[in-house]
């Protein structure tokens, strides 16, 4: 199983990772980070296949996938 790390303080809430994840592993938080953005978080890591599409789509490079 892959492990996903998202730096919520650097996330700007663009949602590209959410829309690109084929398994619905990532979602957007209802809370804001210290910069005022809603941030991405790992909703269900057990579904992650480690495809890393979320990393490739993130313009802020805040997501890491460890396989």
PDB file of N, CA and C in Angstrom:
ATOM      1  N   UNK A   1       0.844  -1.187   0.000  1.00  0.00           N
ATOM      2  CA  UNK A   1       0.000   0.000   0.000  1.00  0.00           C
ATOM      3  C   UNK A   1       0.885   1.245   0.000  1.00  0.00           C
ATOM      4  N   UNK A   2       0.478   2.233  -0.752  1.00  0.00           N
ATOM      5  CA  UNK A   2       1.204   3.488  -0.841  1.00  0.00           C
ATOM      6  C   UNK A   2       0.827   4.411   0.312  1.00  0.00           C
ATOM      7  N   UNK A   3       1.738   5.328   0.620  1.00  0.00           N
ATOM      8  CA  UNK A   3       1.491   6.334   1.658  1.00  0.00           C
ATOM      9  C   UNK A   3       1.527   7.701   0.988  1.00  0.00           C
ATOM     10  N   UNK A   4       0.499   8.493   1.243  1.00  0.00           N
ATOM     11  CA  UNK A   4       0.393   9.826   0.644  1.00  0.00           C
ATOM     12  C   UNK A   4       0.651  10.885   1.707  1.00  0.00           C
ATOM     13  N   UNK A   5       1.523  11.828   1.379  1.00  0.00           N
ATOM     14  CA  UNK A   5       1.808  12.962   2.261  1.00  0.00           C
ATOM     15  C   UNK A   5       1.407  14.239   1.534  1.00  0.00           C
ATOM     16  N   UNK A   6       0.545  15.027   2.178  1.00  0.00           N
ATOM     17  CA  UNK A   6       0.114  16.304   1.616  1.00  0.00           C
ATOM     18  C   UNK A   6       0.459  17.411   2.604  1.00  0.00           C
ATOM     19  N   UNK A   7       1.206  18.407   2.130  1.00  0.00           N
ATOM     20  CA  UNK A   7       1.557  19.548   2.966  1.00  0.00           C
ATOM     21  C   UNK A   7       0.394  20.533   2.925  1.00  0.00           C
ATOM     22  N   UNK A   8      -0.496  20.432   3.903  1.00  0.00           N
ATOM     23  CA  UNK A   8      -1.718  21.243   3.885  1.00  0.00           C
ATOM     24  C   UNK A   8      -1.445  22.738   3.950  1.00  0.00           C
ATOM     25  N   UNK A   9      -0.322  23.144   4.519  1.00  0.00           N
ATOM     26  CA  UNK A   9      -0.014  24.576   4.622  1.00  0.00           C
ATOM     27  C   UNK A   9       0.412  25.179   3.288  1.00  0.00           C
ATOM     28  N   UNK A  10       0.909  24.361   2.373  1.00  0.00           N
ATOM     29  CA  UNK A  10       1.310  24.865   1.057  1.00  0.00           C
ATOM     30  C   UNK A  10       0.214  24.679   0.013  1.00  0.00           C
ATOM     31  N   UNK A  11      -0.803  23.876   0.326  1.00  0.00           N
ATOM     32  CA  UNK A  11      -1.899  23.605  -0.608  1.00  0.00           C
ATOM     33  C   UNK A  11      -2.730  24.872  -0.810  1.00  0.00           C
ATOM     34  N   UNK A  12      -3.066  25.166  -2.075  1.00  0.00           N
ATOM     35  CA  UNK A  12      -3.875  26.345  -2.396  1.00  0.00           C
ATOM     36  C   UNK A  12      -5.294  25.980  -2.816  1.00  0.00           C
ATOM     37  N   UNK A  13      -5.670  24.723  -2.633  1.00  0.00           N
ATOM     38  CA  UNK A  13      -7.051  24.314  -2.844  1.00  0.00           C
ATOM     39  C   UNK A  13      -7.532  24.293  -4.279  1.00  0.00           C
ATOM     40  N   UNK A  14      -6.674  23.994  -5.232  1.00  0.00           N
ATOM     41  CA  UNK A  14      -7.086  24.006  -6.641  1.00  0.00           C
ATOM     42  C   UNK A  14      -7.957  22.799  -7.015  1.00  0.00           C
ATOM     43  N   UNK A  15      -7.920  21.741  -6.223  1.00  0.00           N
ATOM     44  CA  UNK A  15      -8.733  20.525  -6.421  1.00  0.00           C
ATOM     45  C   UNK A  15      -8.303  19.648  -7.594  1.00  0.00           C
ATOM     46  N   UNK A  16      -7.198  19.956  -8.244  1.00  0.00           N
ATOM     47  CA  UNK A  16      -6.769  19.128  -9.365  1.00  0.00           C
ATOM     48  C   UNK A  16      -6.444  17.702  -8.925  1.00  0.00           C
ATOM     49  N   UNK A  17      -5.879  17.542  -7.765  1.00  0.00           N
ATOM     50  CA  UNK A  17      -5.551  16.201  -7.266  1.00  0.00           C
ATOM     51  C   UNK A  17      -6.818  15.388  -7.001  1.00  0.00           C
ATOM     52  N   UNK A  18      -7.841  16.054  -6.504  1.00  0.00           N
ATOM     53  CA  UNK A  18      -9.116  15.382  -6.206  1.00  0.00           C
ATOM     54  C   UNK A  18      -9.751  14.888  -7.500  1.00  0.00           C
ATOM     55  N   UNK A  19      -9.803  15.745  -8.506  1.00  0.00           N
ATOM     56  CA  UNK A  19     -10.448  15.366  -9.761  1.00  0.00           C
ATOM     57  C   UNK A  19      -9.645  14.332 -10.537  1.00  0.00           C
ATOM     58  N   UNK A  20      -8.340  14.275 -10.323  1.00  0.00           N
ATOM     59  CA  UNK A  20      -7.487  13.354 -11.074  1.00  0.00           C
ATOM     60  C   UNK A  20      -7.378  11.974 -10.432  1.00  0.00           C
ATOM     61  N   UNK A  21      -7.634  11.852  -9.156  1.00  0.00           N
ATOM     62  CA  UNK A  21      -7.485  10.570  -8.459  1.00  0.00           C
ATOM     63  C   UNK A  21      -8.559   9.579  -8.927  1.00  0.00           C
ATOM     64  N   UNK A  22      -8.145   8.469  -9.542  1.00  0.00           N
ATOM     65  CA  UNK A  22      -9.122   7.513 -10.065  1.00  0.00           C
ATOM     66  C   UNK A  22      -9.845   6.701  -8.992  1.00  0.00           C
ATOM     67  N   UNK A  23      -9.322   6.699  -7.779  1.00  0.00           N
ATOM     68  CA  UNK A  23      -9.899   5.885  -6.709  1.00  0.00           C
ATOM     69  C   UNK A  23     -10.605   6.708  -5.632  1.00  0.00           C
ATOM     70  N   UNK A  24     -10.625   8.021  -5.764  1.00  0.00           N
ATOM     71  CA  UNK A  24     -11.297   8.870  -4.779  1.00  0.00           C
ATOM     72  C   UNK A  24     -10.612   8.903  -3.426  1.00  0.00           C
ATOM     73  N   UNK A  25      -9.294   8.808  -3.440  1.00  0.00           N
ATOM     74  CA  UNK A  25      -8.511   8.765  -2.206  1.00  0.00           C
ATOM     75  C   UNK A  25      -8.392  10.135  -1.551  1.00  0.00           C
ATOM     76  N   UNK A  26      -8.364  11.188  -2.353  1.00  0.00           N
ATOM     77  CA  UNK A  26      -8.135  12.545  -1.851  1.00  0.00           C
ATOM     78  C   UNK A  26      -9.432  13.344  -1.909  1.00  0.00           C
ATOM     79  N   UNK A  27      -9.640  14.174  -0.905  1.00  0.00           N
ATOM     80  CA  UNK A  27     -10.814  15.050  -0.838  1.00  0.00           C
ATOM     81  C   UNK A  27     -10.367  16.423  -0.358  1.00  0.00           C
ATOM     82  N   UNK A  28     -11.283  17.363  -0.400  1.00  0.00           N
ATOM     83  CA  UNK A  28     -10.993  18.709   0.091  1.00  0.00           C
ATOM     84  C   UNK A  28     -11.553  18.864   1.502  1.00  0.00           C
ATOM     85  N   UNK A  29     -10.783  19.478   2.343  1.00  0.00           N
ATOM     86  CA  UNK A  29     -11.177  19.715   3.727  1.00  0.00           C
ATOM     87  C   UNK A  29     -12.222  20.827   3.814  1.00  0.00           C
ATOM     88  N   UNK A  30     -13.004  20.781   4.860  1.00  0.00           N
ATOM     89  CA  UNK A  30     -13.946  21.870   5.143  1.00  0.00           C
ATOM     90  C   UNK A  30     -13.261  22.977   5.934  1.00  0.00           C
ATOM     91  N   UNK A  31     -12.046  22.695   6.388  1.00  0.00           N
ATOM     92  CA  UNK A  31     -11.279  23.657   7.181  1.00  0.00           C
ATOM     93  C   UNK A  31     -10.279  24.383   6.296  1.00  0.00           C
ATOM     94  N   UNK A  32      -9.795  25.519   6.764  1.00  0.00           N
ATOM     95  CA  UNK A  32      -8.801  26.298   6.038  1.00  0.00           C
ATOM     96  C   UNK A  32      -7.425  26.134   6.673  1.00  0.00           C
ATOM     97  N   UNK A  33      -6.385  26.244   5.832  1.00  0.00           N
ATOM     98  CA  UNK A  33      -5.031  26.268   6.378  1.00  0.00           C
ATOM     99  C   UNK A  33      -4.742  27.691   6.857  1.00  0.00           C
ATOM    100  N   UNK A  34      -3.553  27.954   7.335  1.00  0.00           N
ATOM    101  CA  UNK A  34      -3.242  29.265   7.899  1.00  0.00           C
ATOM    102  C   UNK A  34      -3.252  30.386   6.855  1.00  0.00           C
ATOM    103  N   UNK A  35      -3.207  30.026   5.568  1.00  0.00           N
ATOM    104  CA  UNK A  35      -3.255  31.034   4.498  1.00  0.00           C
ATOM    105  C   UNK A  35      -4.681  31.295   4.026  1.00  0.00           C
ATOM    106  N   UNK A  36      -5.646  30.552   4.582  1.00  0.00           N
ATOM    107  CA  UNK A  36      -7.047  30.771   4.233  1.00  0.00           C
ATOM    108  C   UNK A  36      -7.588  29.898   3.116  1.00  0.00           C
ATOM    109  N   UNK A  37      -6.820  28.905   2.683  1.00  0.00           N
ATOM    110  CA  UNK A  37      -7.263  28.014   1.613  1.00  0.00           C
ATOM    111  C   UNK A  37      -7.847  26.727   2.192  1.00  0.00           C
ATOM    112  N   UNK A  38      -8.893  26.215   1.545  1.00  0.00           N
ATOM    113  CA  UNK A  38      -9.327  24.855   1.832  1.00  0.00           C
ATOM    114  C   UNK A  38      -8.237  23.962   1.254  1.00  0.00           C
ATOM    115  N   UNK A  39      -7.874  22.911   1.944  1.00  0.00           N
ATOM    116  CA  UNK A  39      -6.741  22.094   1.520  1.00  0.00           C
ATOM    117  C   UNK A  39      -7.154  20.645   1.264  1.00  0.00           C
ATOM    118  N   UNK A  40      -6.350  19.967   0.467  1.00  0.00           N
ATOM    119  CA  UNK A  40      -6.571  18.560   0.156  1.00  0.00           C
ATOM    120  C   UNK A  40      -6.112  17.705   1.329  1.00  0.00           C
ATOM    121  N   UNK A  41      -6.813  16.591   1.534  1.00  0.00           N
ATOM    122  CA  UNK A  41      -6.390  15.643   2.558  1.00  0.00           C
ATOM    123  C   UNK A  41      -6.679  14.226   2.070  1.00  0.00           C
ATOM    124  N   UNK A  42      -6.055  13.265   2.704  1.00  0.00           N
ATOM    125  CA  UNK A  42      -6.230  11.867   2.339  1.00  0.00           C
ATOM    126  C   UNK A  42      -7.489  11.347   3.022  1.00  0.00           C
ATOM    127  N   UNK A  43      -8.474  10.995   2.210  1.00  0.00           N
ATOM    128  CA  UNK A  43      -9.757  10.526   2.717  1.00  0.00           C
ATOM    129  C   UNK A  43      -9.703   9.034   3.053  1.00  0.00           C
ATOM    130  N   UNK A  44      -9.107   8.225   2.169  1.00  0.00           N
ATOM    131  CA  UNK A  44      -9.050   6.781   2.380  1.00  0.00           C
ATOM    132  C   UNK A  44      -7.802   6.201   1.733  1.00  0.00           C
ATOM    133  N   UNK A  45      -6.721   6.195   2.481  1.00  0.00           N
ATOM    134  CA  UNK A  45      -5.430   5.760   1.961  1.00  0.00           C
ATOM    135  C   UNK A  45      -5.410   4.283   1.566  1.00  0.00           C
ATOM    136  N   UNK A  46      -6.319   3.491   2.108  1.00  0.00           N
ATOM    137  CA  UNK A  46      -6.345   2.064   1.790  1.00  0.00           C
ATOM    138  C   UNK A  46      -6.693   1.797   0.332  1.00  0.00           C
ATOM    139  N   UNK A  47      -7.322   2.766  -0.338  1.00  0.00           N
ATOM    140  CA  UNK A  47      -7.683   2.619  -1.754  1.00  0.00           C
ATOM    141  C   UNK A  47      -6.571   3.038  -2.704  1.00  0.00           C
ATOM    142  N   UNK A  48      -5.516   3.648  -2.191  1.00  0.00           N
ATOM    143  CA  UNK A  48      -4.444   4.186  -3.033  1.00  0.00           C
ATOM    144  C   UNK A  48      -3.629   3.068  -3.685  1.00  0.00           C
ATOM    145  N   UNK A  49      -3.441   3.179  -5.005  1.00  0.00           N
ATOM    146  CA  UNK A  49      -2.634   2.213  -5.749  1.00  0.00           C
ATOM    147  C   UNK A  49      -1.212   2.714  -5.980  1.00  0.00           C
ATOM    148  N   UNK A  50      -0.949   3.961  -5.613  1.00  0.00           N
ATOM    149  CA  UNK A  50       0.379   4.538  -5.800  1.00  0.00           C
ATOM    150  C   UNK A  50       0.617   5.043  -7.210  1.00  0.00           C
ATOM    151  N   UNK A  51      -0.439   5.327  -7.962  1.00  0.00           N
ATOM    152  CA  UNK A  51      -0.292   5.782  -9.352  1.00  0.00           C
ATOM    153  C   UNK A  51       0.383   7.148  -9.461  1.00  0.00           C
ATOM    154  N   UNK A  52       0.292   7.954  -8.425  1.00  0.00           N
ATOM    155  CA  UNK A  52       0.922   9.281  -8.325  1.00  0.00           C
ATOM    156  C   UNK A  52       0.378  10.309  -9.304  1.00  0.00           C
ATOM    157  N   UNK A  53      -0.817  10.102  -9.828  1.00  0.00           N
ATOM    158  CA  UNK A  53      -1.433  11.114 -10.681  1.00  0.00           C
ATOM    159  C   UNK A  53      -1.661  12.408  -9.905  1.00  0.00           C
ATOM    160  N   UNK A  54      -1.960  12.284  -8.627  1.00  0.00           N
ATOM    161  CA  UNK A  54      -2.166  13.468  -7.788  1.00  0.00           C
ATOM    162  C   UNK A  54      -0.899  14.324  -7.744  1.00  0.00           C
ATOM    163  N   UNK A  55       0.237  13.676  -7.622  1.00  0.00           N
ATOM    164  CA  UNK A  55       1.519  14.399  -7.596  1.00  0.00           C
ATOM    165  C   UNK A  55       1.792  15.103  -8.910  1.00  0.00           C
ATOM    166  N   UNK A  56       1.498  14.424  -9.986  1.00  0.00           N
ATOM    167  CA  UNK A  56       1.752  14.985 -11.310  1.00  0.00           C
ATOM    168  C   UNK A  56       0.874  16.191 -11.596  1.00  0.00           C
ATOM    169  N   UNK A  57      -0.324  16.213 -11.064  1.00  0.00           N
ATOM    170  CA  UNK A  57      -1.263  17.306 -11.330  1.00  0.00           C
ATOM    171  C   UNK A  57      -1.086  18.505 -10.400  1.00  0.00           C
ATOM    172  N   UNK A  58      -0.454  18.323  -9.269  1.00  0.00           N
ATOM    173  CA  UNK A  58      -0.351  19.383  -8.278  1.00  0.00           C
ATOM    174  C   UNK A  58       0.604  20.494  -8.734  1.00  0.00           C
ATOM    175  N   UNK A  59       0.079  21.693  -9.005  1.00  0.00           N
ATOM    176  CA  UNK A  59       0.940  22.780  -9.461  1.00  0.00           C
ATOM    177  C   UNK A  59       1.838  23.344  -8.354  1.00  0.00           C
ATOM    178  N   UNK A  60       1.494  23.084  -7.108  1.00  0.00           N
ATOM    179  CA  UNK A  60       2.286  23.594  -5.988  1.00  0.00           C
ATOM    180  C   UNK A  60       3.278  22.562  -5.450  1.00  0.00           C
ATOM    181  N   UNK A  61       3.266  21.370  -5.992  1.00  0.00           N
ATOM    182  CA  UNK A  61       4.152  20.264  -5.594  1.00  0.00           C
ATOM    183  C   UNK A  61       4.089  20.021  -4.083  1.00  0.00           C
ATOM    184  N   UNK A  62       2.894  19.832  -3.571  1.00  0.00           N
ATOM    185  CA  UNK A  62       2.712  19.624  -2.131  1.00  0.00           C
ATOM    186  C   UNK A  62       2.378  18.176  -1.786  1.00  0.00           C
ATOM    187  N   UNK A  63       2.303  17.293  -2.793  1.00  0.00           N
ATOM    188  CA  UNK A  63       1.929  15.900  -2.560  1.00  0.00           C
ATOM    189  C   UNK A  63       3.090  14.979  -2.879  1.00  0.00           C
ATOM    190  N   UNK A  64       3.329  14.032  -1.987  1.00  0.00           N
ATOM    191  CA  UNK A  64       4.331  12.987  -2.189  1.00  0.00           C
ATOM    192  C   UNK A  64       3.652  11.643  -1.992  1.00  0.00           C
ATOM    193  N   UNK A  65       3.994  10.688  -2.860  1.00  0.00           N
ATOM    194  CA  UNK A  65       3.474   9.326  -2.712  1.00  0.00           C
ATOM    195  C   UNK A  65       4.654   8.406  -2.493  1.00  0.00           C
ATOM    196  N   UNK A  66       4.638   7.717  -1.367  1.00  0.00           N
ATOM    197  CA  UNK A  66       5.687   6.732  -1.050  1.00  0.00           C
ATOM    198  C   UNK A  66       5.129   5.354  -1.349  1.00  0.00           C
ATOM    199  N   UNK A  67       5.830   4.603  -2.158  1.00  0.00           N
ATOM    200  CA  UNK A  67       5.357   3.261  -2.500  1.00  0.00           C
ATOM    201  C   UNK A  67       6.006   2.213  -1.644  1.00  0.00           C
TER     202      UNK A  67
END
